Amino acid sequence: MKKIKVSDLRPGLRFDRPVYVDDENLLVPENVEIKQKDIDRLVKWRVATVSTDGKPMKELPSAKKNSFLRQAFSTPEQQAVMDAYSKLAAEMQDVFERVTGQVSVRAAEVDDVVDRLFKLLEQKKNDVIQLILYGLQGESGFIENALNCAVLATLVGQNLNMVQHKLLQLSTAALLHDVGMLRIPAAVRNKRTELTPEEIAVIQNHPTVSYKIIAKEMRFAEEIGVAALQHQERWDGAGYPRKLSGTNIIPQARIISVVDAFEAMVSKRPYRSSMIGYAAMRAILSDNGRRFDPDILKVFIRTMGIYPIGSVVLLKNGCIGRVIDVNPSSPLRPSVKIMIDERGREYQRDEGAVIDLAADKELFIARAVDPKELADGVKK
């Protein structure tokens, strides 16, 4: 890796590969801008150089401020999807509030939410995926995370050709998998500083609490409760609460493990920003059989694509576009709708041409683009 003097760094600089402080400590991932506070911290630590295999990213054609963020989820059809999602979130908020207060919740209430989520996916699957990745601009909370995981798990289950009742069980388990966290003291659950060993033990008990709520209180099928119980287990046996490994973990839990990790990466949290879909997918792919079932991971990639729906990409010809559909047989070559052409012309009303990269072999994606780059005056 080449060395770069800290004195040569400037706020807003991005590299196409990760930048490291030393062999063990990452400064910023690829395609993430270096901020003034990062530079100040390096100076404070008396770090003279940082290292990277990457190159600085050049400027892209500029877009009008926030144009992508305005377009990302602004059509009447997309707004209708957001409204439907919000109604489901309101119903789950009521469910989760009663769980927190240890007030009875009927399984039929959750079943109704799952049924309506299925119908929404049948009608507007691609819009729902884009909503998860880019439509929810605020910080994602517990309810949104639960719904998002249910959507992603359902899509994976469909690509695995699960029979309907198994798919419903998977969706329900994904929706409720973290419900045990609601019974964890808020002071522990929301703590921003390092947890004590005792607090870690409390957190690691939440899958067991989830199982009890799902299987014993709500009286769902045992398999749904077990999926929640096992969702923090790891393929290599290093998870919790029982340190199960491999196929000793039921398939539903293995699916939830993958989608839960991906969802956490693409969702904004109070303590960190979200990752773009491509960066989250790269992080998931780097697992190498430690946390995730490799076969489930392959299906997840076929389901979402390397560049998930809604991702903004720079094409080799200089155009910027938005991924509108994935190609399961060729995850690197999705269908892209042009937002800004190679001359810098911006299409304001979603009027850009659609390019199927699976059919156009001469054209390919140069890199993923964070939508914030378009809002701020982006860099190549």
Protein backbone atom coordinates (compact mmCIF):
# COMPACT_ATOMS: atom_id res chain seq x y z
CA MET A 1 0.00 0.00 0.00
CA LYS A 2 1.16 3.52 -0.73
CA LYS A 3 1.66 6.10 2.00
CA ILE A 4 -0.14 9.45 1.97
CA LYS A 5 0.94 12.33 4.17
CA VAL A 6 -1.73 13.49 6.60
CA SER A 7 -0.77 17.04 5.63
CA ASP A 8 -1.95 16.23 2.07
CA LEU A 9 -5.42 15.12 3.18
CA ARG A 10 -8.37 17.49 2.86
CA PRO A 11 -12.04 17.28 3.84
CA GLY A 12 -14.20 15.69 1.14
CA LEU A 13 -11.41 13.57 -0.35
CA ARG A 14 -12.50 10.03 -1.25
CA PHE A 15 -10.52 6.99 -2.39
CA ASP A 16 -11.66 3.99 -4.41
CA ARG A 17 -10.14 1.63 -1.81
CA PRO A 18 -10.16 1.72 2.02
CA VAL A 19 -7.74 4.05 3.81
CA TYR A 20 -5.93 2.73 6.89
CA VAL A 21 -4.26 4.40 9.86
CA ASP A 22 -2.10 1.29 10.35
CA ASP A 23 -2.26 -2.46 9.69
CA GLU A 24 -5.19 -2.96 12.06
CA ASN A 25 -7.15 0.31 12.08
CA LEU A 26 -9.38 1.61 9.29
CA LEU A 27 -9.67 5.36 8.75
CA VAL A 28 -12.48 5.31 6.15
CA PRO A 29 -13.94 2.64 3.83
CA GLU A 30 -13.79 3.01 0.07
CA ASN A 31 -15.92 5.80 -1.43
CA VAL A 32 -16.42 7.47 1.98
CA GLU A 33 -15.21 11.05 2.28
CA ILE A 34 -12.52 11.99 4.75
CA LYS A 35 -13.90 14.60 7.13
CA GLN A 36 -12.13 17.40 8.97
CA LYS A 37 -12.65 15.58 12.26
CA ASP A 38 -10.79 12.55 10.82
CA ILE A 39 -7.84 14.76 9.93
CA ASP A 40 -7.94 16.48 13.32
CA ARG A 41 -7.89 13.11 15.04
CA LEU A 42 -4.85 11.98 13.05
CA VAL A 43 -3.02 15.18 13.93
CA LYS A 44 -3.93 14.72 17.60
CA TRP A 45 -2.59 11.16 17.50
CA ARG A 46 0.58 12.43 15.78
CA VAL A 47 0.00 10.14 12.80
CA ALA A 48 2.19 11.32 9.92
CA THR A 49 0.88 9.10 7.11
CA VAL A 50 -2.05 6.87 6.19
CA SER A 51 -2.08 3.96 3.74
CA THR A 52 -4.27 2.85 0.84
CA ASP A 53 -4.19 0.78 -2.34
CA GLY A 54 -6.68 3.19 -3.87
CA LYS A 55 -6.68 6.34 -5.94
CA PRO A 56 -8.41 9.67 -5.25
CA MET A 57 -11.82 9.92 -6.91
CA LYS A 58 -12.35 12.61 -9.55
CA GLU A 59 -15.38 14.84 -9.87
CA LEU A 60 -18.55 13.60 -11.54
CA PRO A 61 -20.99 15.68 -13.57
CA SER A 62 -22.72 17.87 -11.01
CA ALA A 63 -26.42 17.56 -10.29
CA LYS A 64 -28.79 20.14 -8.90
CA LYS A 65 -28.70 20.05 -5.12
CA ASN A 66 -30.66 17.15 -3.65
CA SER A 67 -32.09 16.18 -7.06
CA PHE A 68 -31.61 12.48 -6.47
CA LEU A 69 -33.02 12.69 -2.98
CA ARG A 70 -36.07 14.44 -4.42
CA GLN A 71 -36.43 11.86 -7.19
CA ALA A 72 -35.55 8.77 -5.16
CA PHE A 73 -39.03 8.29 -3.80
CA SER A 74 -41.26 10.98 -5.21
CA THR A 75 -43.63 9.53 -7.83
CA PRO A 76 -47.30 9.04 -6.85
CA GLU A 77 -46.89 5.26 -7.07
CA GLN A 78 -43.82 5.33 -4.82
CA GLN A 79 -45.54 7.66 -2.37
CA ALA A 80 -48.43 5.19 -2.19
CA VAL A 81 -45.93 2.46 -1.30
CA MET A 82 -44.47 4.65 1.43
CA ASP A 83 -47.95 5.36 2.79
CA ALA A 84 -48.79 1.64 2.86
CA TYR A 85 -45.49 0.92 4.61
CA SER A 86 -46.20 3.65 7.15
CA LYS A 87 -49.58 2.10 7.98
CA LEU A 88 -47.94 -1.28 8.59
CA ALA A 89 -45.35 0.44 10.78
CA ALA A 90 -48.11 2.10 12.83
CA GLU A 91 -49.76 -1.27 13.45
CA MET A 92 -46.47 -2.86 14.47
CA GLN A 93 -45.78 0.07 16.78
CA ASP A 94 -48.98 -0.78 18.62
CA VAL A 95 -47.94 -4.45 18.80
CA PHE A 96 -44.46 -3.65 20.08
CA GLU A 97 -45.75 -1.16 22.66
CA ARG A 98 -47.97 -3.87 24.11
CA VAL A 99 -45.09 -6.35 24.11
CA THR A 100 -42.98 -3.82 26.00
CA GLY A 101 -45.75 -3.35 28.55
CA GLN A 102 -46.34 -7.13 28.73
CA VAL A 103 -49.89 -6.71 27.44
CA SER A 104 -51.37 -9.60 25.45
CA VAL A 105 -50.89 -9.62 21.65
CA ARG A 106 -52.83 -12.03 19.44
CA ALA A 107 -50.95 -13.88 16.71
CA ALA A 108 -53.72 -12.92 14.28
CA GLU A 109 -52.73 -9.25 14.57
CA VAL A 110 -49.21 -10.02 13.37
CA ASP A 111 -50.53 -12.42 10.73
CA ASP A 112 -52.58 -9.56 9.27
CA VAL A 113 -49.49 -7.35 8.94
CA VAL A 114 -47.55 -10.18 7.26
CA ASP A 115 -50.41 -10.84 4.82
CA ARG A 116 -50.55 -7.18 3.81
CA LEU A 117 -46.78 -7.03 3.49
CA PHE A 118 -46.98 -10.01 1.09
CA LYS A 119 -49.58 -8.21 -1.03
CA LEU A 120 -47.46 -5.07 -1.14
CA LEU A 121 -44.46 -7.10 -2.33
CA GLU A 122 -46.56 -8.83 -4.98
CA GLN A 123 -47.65 -5.49 -6.39
CA LYS A 124 -44.61 -3.23 -5.85
CA LYS A 125 -41.57 -5.37 -5.02
CA ASN A 126 -38.96 -3.10 -6.62
CA ASP A 127 -40.42 0.05 -5.06
CA VAL A 128 -40.40 -1.59 -1.63
CA ILE A 129 -36.73 -2.55 -2.01
CA GLN A 130 -35.86 0.99 -3.07
CA LEU A 131 -37.83 2.34 -0.10
CA ILE A 132 -35.74 0.23 2.28
CA LEU A 133 -32.47 1.39 0.73
CA TYR A 134 -33.15 5.06 0.00
CA GLY A 135 -36.72 6.12 0.74
CA LEU A 136 -36.42 6.21 4.53
CA GLN A 137 -34.17 9.25 4.87
CA GLY A 138 -34.46 9.62 8.64
CA GLU A 139 -32.97 7.38 11.28
CA SER A 140 -34.44 3.89 11.14
CA GLY A 141 -35.98 2.68 14.37
CA PHE A 142 -36.94 -0.70 15.76
CA ILE A 143 -40.20 -0.89 13.79
CA GLU A 144 -38.68 -0.03 10.41
CA ASN A 145 -35.86 -2.52 11.01
CA ALA A 146 -38.38 -5.26 11.76
CA LEU A 147 -40.43 -4.57 8.62
CA ASN A 148 -37.32 -4.26 6.46
CA CYS A 149 -35.99 -7.61 7.68
CA ALA A 150 -39.35 -9.22 7.00
CA VAL A 151 -39.30 -7.91 3.42
CA LEU A 152 -35.73 -9.02 2.72
CA ALA A 153 -36.24 -12.45 4.29
CA THR A 154 -39.42 -12.95 2.26
CA LEU A 155 -37.60 -12.15 -0.98
CA VAL A 156 -34.85 -14.65 -0.15
CA GLY A 157 -37.43 -17.28 0.77
CA GLN A 158 -39.20 -16.75 -2.54
CA ASN A 159 -35.94 -17.27 -4.43
CA LEU A 160 -35.45 -20.49 -2.44
CA ASN A 161 -38.90 -21.58 -3.68
CA MET A 162 -40.19 -22.08 -0.14
CA VAL A 163 -43.72 -23.44 0.09
CA GLN A 164 -46.24 -20.81 1.16
CA HIS A 165 -46.70 -21.79 4.81
CA LYS A 166 -42.92 -21.97 5.34
CA LEU A 167 -42.54 -18.57 3.67
CA LEU A 168 -45.17 -17.09 5.99
CA GLN A 169 -43.35 -18.55 8.99
CA LEU A 170 -40.06 -17.05 7.77
CA SER A 171 -41.62 -13.61 7.27
CA THR A 172 -43.22 -13.69 10.71
CA ALA A 173 -39.97 -14.78 12.37
CA ALA A 174 -38.06 -11.99 10.60
CA LEU A 175 -40.66 -9.44 11.68
CA LEU A 176 -40.46 -10.53 15.32
CA HIS A 177 -36.88 -11.81 15.62
CA ASP A 178 -35.66 -8.96 17.84
CA VAL A 179 -38.84 -8.56 19.89
CA GLY A 180 -36.97 -9.74 22.99
CA MET A 181 -34.94 -6.51 22.89
CA LEU A 182 -38.08 -4.68 24.00
CA ARG A 183 -37.83 -6.41 27.38
CA ILE A 184 -34.18 -5.39 27.82
CA PRO A 185 -33.79 -2.32 30.08
CA ALA A 186 -33.63 0.81 27.91
CA ALA A 187 -30.49 1.97 29.72
CA VAL A 188 -28.70 -1.13 28.45
CA ARG A 189 -30.41 -1.36 25.06
CA ASN A 190 -29.64 2.25 24.11
CA LYS A 191 -26.23 2.60 25.74
CA ARG A 192 -23.72 4.36 23.45
CA THR A 193 -20.60 3.63 25.49
CA GLU A 194 -18.90 0.28 25.94
CA LEU A 195 -21.05 -2.38 27.61
CA THR A 196 -19.94 -4.12 30.78
CA PRO A 197 -19.67 -7.95 30.76
CA GLU A 198 -22.93 -8.09 32.70
CA GLU A 199 -24.68 -5.84 30.17
CA ILE A 200 -23.36 -7.93 27.27
CA ALA A 201 -24.86 -11.01 28.92
CA VAL A 202 -28.21 -9.23 29.18
CA ILE A 203 -28.11 -8.26 25.48
CA GLN A 204 -27.12 -11.78 24.44
CA ASN A 205 -30.16 -13.13 26.24
CA HIS A 206 -32.56 -11.27 23.93
CA PRO A 207 -32.97 -14.17 21.43
CA THR A 208 -34.15 -16.37 24.29
CA VAL A 209 -36.62 -13.69 25.36
CA SER A 210 -37.79 -13.37 21.73
CA TYR A 211 -38.45 -17.11 21.62
CA LYS A 212 -40.54 -16.98 24.79
CA ILE A 213 -42.61 -14.03 23.56
CA ILE A 214 -43.23 -15.59 20.12
CA ALA A 215 -43.79 -19.23 21.06
CA LYS A 216 -45.21 -18.96 24.57
CA GLU A 217 -47.00 -15.60 24.77
CA MET A 218 -48.18 -15.11 21.18
CA ARG A 219 -48.47 -18.89 20.66
CA PHE A 220 -46.92 -18.95 17.21
CA ALA A 221 -45.56 -22.20 15.77
CA GLU A 222 -42.44 -23.50 17.49
CA GLU A 223 -40.42 -23.09 14.28
CA ILE A 224 -41.05 -19.34 14.26
CA GLY A 225 -39.82 -19.02 17.83
CA VAL A 226 -36.75 -21.15 17.12
CA ALA A 227 -35.83 -18.98 14.12
CA ALA A 228 -35.79 -15.95 16.43
CA LEU A 229 -33.91 -17.91 19.10
CA GLN A 230 -31.14 -18.84 16.64
CA HIS A 231 -30.81 -15.67 14.53
CA GLN A 232 -27.64 -14.57 16.36
CA GLU A 233 -25.93 -17.94 15.94
CA ARG A 234 -23.05 -18.01 13.45
CA TRP A 235 -22.11 -20.48 10.75
CA ASP A 236 -18.69 -20.93 12.44
CA GLY A 237 -20.21 -21.55 15.88
CA ALA A 238 -19.07 -18.27 17.44
CA GLY A 239 -22.56 -16.82 17.91
CA TYR A 240 -25.05 -16.89 20.76
CA PRO A 241 -26.94 -17.97 22.82
CA ARG A 242 -26.00 -21.64 22.23
CA LYS A 243 -22.94 -21.44 19.93
CA LEU A 244 -24.63 -23.59 17.30
CA SER A 245 -22.86 -23.98 13.96
CA GLY A 246 -23.55 -24.97 10.36
CA THR A 247 -26.72 -26.89 9.64
CA ASN A 248 -27.48 -27.19 13.35
CA ILE A 249 -28.96 -23.71 12.83
CA ILE A 250 -32.35 -23.92 11.13
CA PRO A 251 -32.54 -22.40 7.60
CA GLN A 252 -34.96 -19.64 8.63
CA ALA A 253 -32.50 -18.38 11.24
CA ARG A 254 -29.64 -18.52 8.72
CA ILE A 255 -31.66 -16.35 6.34
CA ILE A 256 -32.58 -13.85 9.07
CA SER A 257 -28.91 -13.62 10.09
CA VAL A 258 -27.94 -12.41 6.60
CA VAL A 259 -30.81 -9.98 6.05
CA ASP A 260 -30.52 -8.58 9.59
CA ALA A 261 -26.84 -7.77 9.03
CA PHE A 262 -27.50 -6.18 5.63
CA GLU A 263 -30.46 -4.17 6.92
CA ALA A 264 -28.40 -2.85 9.82
CA MET A 265 -25.72 -1.63 7.41
CA VAL A 266 -28.07 0.25 5.07
CA SER A 267 -30.10 1.83 7.88
CA LYS A 268 -29.12 5.09 9.53
CA ARG A 269 -28.56 4.88 13.27
CA PRO A 270 -28.24 7.63 15.90
CA TYR A 271 -24.55 6.76 16.30
CA ARG A 272 -23.58 6.33 12.61
CA SER A 273 -24.63 6.95 9.03
CA SER A 274 -26.00 4.29 6.74
CA MET A 275 -23.98 2.52 4.04
CA ILE A 276 -25.06 2.49 0.41
CA GLY A 277 -26.42 -0.85 -0.82
CA TYR A 278 -23.29 -1.72 -2.81
CA ALA A 279 -20.96 -1.08 0.14
CA ALA A 280 -23.18 -3.17 2.42
CA MET A 281 -23.19 -5.98 -0.13
CA ARG A 282 -19.39 -5.85 -0.35
CA ALA A 283 -19.16 -6.08 3.43
CA ILE A 284 -21.53 -9.07 3.51
CA LEU A 285 -19.55 -10.80 0.74
CA SER A 286 -16.32 -10.48 2.71
CA ASP A 287 -17.67 -12.84 5.39
CA ASN A 288 -15.87 -15.93 4.01
CA GLY A 289 -18.03 -18.48 5.79
CA ARG A 290 -17.59 -17.08 9.29
CA ARG A 291 -20.99 -15.68 10.18
CA PHE A 292 -23.23 -16.68 7.29
CA ASP A 293 -24.23 -19.86 5.47
CA PRO A 294 -22.39 -19.55 2.10
CA ASP A 295 -25.34 -21.07 0.20
CA ILE A 296 -27.84 -18.65 1.75
CA LEU A 297 -25.43 -15.83 0.94
CA LYS A 298 -25.41 -16.85 -2.75
CA VAL A 299 -29.20 -16.74 -2.84
CA PHE A 300 -29.18 -13.33 -1.15
CA ILE A 301 -26.81 -12.03 -3.85
CA ARG A 302 -29.06 -13.41 -6.59
CA THR A 303 -32.02 -11.78 -4.86
CA MET A 304 -30.55 -8.32 -4.31
CA GLY A 305 -27.75 -8.09 -6.88
CA ILE A 306 -24.30 -6.70 -6.19
CA TYR A 307 -25.86 -3.31 -6.93
CA PRO A 308 -29.29 -3.51 -5.21
CA ILE A 309 -32.38 -1.85 -6.67
CA GLY A 310 -32.24 1.89 -6.05
CA SER A 311 -28.43 2.00 -6.12
CA VAL A 312 -26.91 4.95 -7.95
CA VAL A 313 -24.06 3.98 -10.28
CA LEU A 314 -21.52 5.63 -12.56
CA LEU A 315 -21.31 3.89 -15.94
CA LYS A 316 -18.07 3.59 -17.87
CA ASN A 317 -19.34 6.09 -20.48
CA GLY A 318 -19.74 8.78 -17.80
CA CYS A 319 -23.52 8.51 -17.35
CA ILE A 320 -25.03 8.29 -13.87
CA GLY A 321 -28.04 6.07 -13.39
CA ARG A 322 -30.24 4.32 -10.86
CA VAL A 323 -30.57 0.53 -10.72
CA ILE A 324 -34.22 -0.35 -11.39
CA ASP A 325 -33.96 -4.14 -11.65
CA VAL A 326 -31.44 -6.87 -10.92
CA ASN A 327 -30.32 -9.73 -13.13
CA PRO A 328 -30.12 -12.90 -10.97
CA SER A 329 -27.93 -14.72 -13.52
CA SER A 330 -25.50 -11.78 -13.76
CA PRO A 331 -25.51 -9.77 -10.49
CA LEU A 332 -22.95 -7.26 -11.79
CA ARG A 333 -25.10 -6.30 -14.80
CA PRO A 334 -28.47 -4.87 -13.65
CA SER A 335 -30.89 -2.66 -15.58
CA VAL A 336 -30.14 1.04 -15.08
CA LYS A 337 -32.27 4.16 -15.73
CA ILE A 338 -30.13 7.13 -16.74
CA MET A 339 -30.35 10.15 -14.41
CA ILE A 340 -27.49 12.26 -15.80
CA ASP A 341 -26.02 11.64 -19.25
CA GLU A 342 -22.36 11.84 -20.24
CA ARG A 343 -22.74 15.55 -21.15
CA GLY A 344 -24.13 16.41 -17.71
CA ARG A 345 -27.78 16.70 -18.78
CA GLU A 346 -30.04 15.82 -15.86
CA TYR A 347 -33.38 14.07 -16.42
CA GLN A 348 -35.80 15.67 -13.96
CA ARG A 349 -38.94 13.57 -14.51
CA ASP A 350 -37.53 10.07 -14.56
CA GLU A 351 -37.38 10.32 -18.37
CA GLY A 352 -33.91 8.86 -18.87
CA ALA A 353 -33.33 5.81 -21.05
CA VAL A 354 -33.24 2.33 -19.50
CA ILE A 355 -30.10 0.31 -20.22
CA ASP A 356 -30.05 -3.44 -19.66
CA LEU A 357 -26.39 -4.10 -18.91
CA ALA A 358 -26.95 -7.84 -19.31
CA ALA A 359 -27.78 -7.18 -22.97
CA ASP A 360 -25.31 -4.33 -23.58
CA LYS A 361 -21.97 -6.06 -23.06
CA GLU A 362 -19.96 -3.01 -24.16
CA LEU A 363 -21.11 -0.95 -21.19
CA PHE A 364 -20.49 -1.67 -17.52
CA ILE A 365 -20.61 -0.06 -14.08
CA ALA A 366 -17.46 1.84 -13.12
CA ARG A 367 -18.47 2.25 -9.48
CA ALA A 368 -21.33 2.82 -7.08
CA VAL A 369 -22.20 6.41 -6.14
CA ASP A 370 -23.45 7.57 -2.76
CA PRO A 371 -26.58 9.71 -3.39
CA LYS A 372 -25.12 12.26 -0.99
CA GLU A 373 -22.41 12.87 -3.59
CA LEU A 374 -25.09 14.02 -6.03
CA ALA A 375 -26.57 16.29 -3.40
CA ASP A 376 -23.25 17.85 -2.48
CA GLY A 377 -21.46 18.08 -5.83
CA VAL A 378 -20.02 14.66 -6.35
CA LYS A 379 -16.58 13.20 -6.94
CA LYS A 380 -15.49 10.46 -9.34
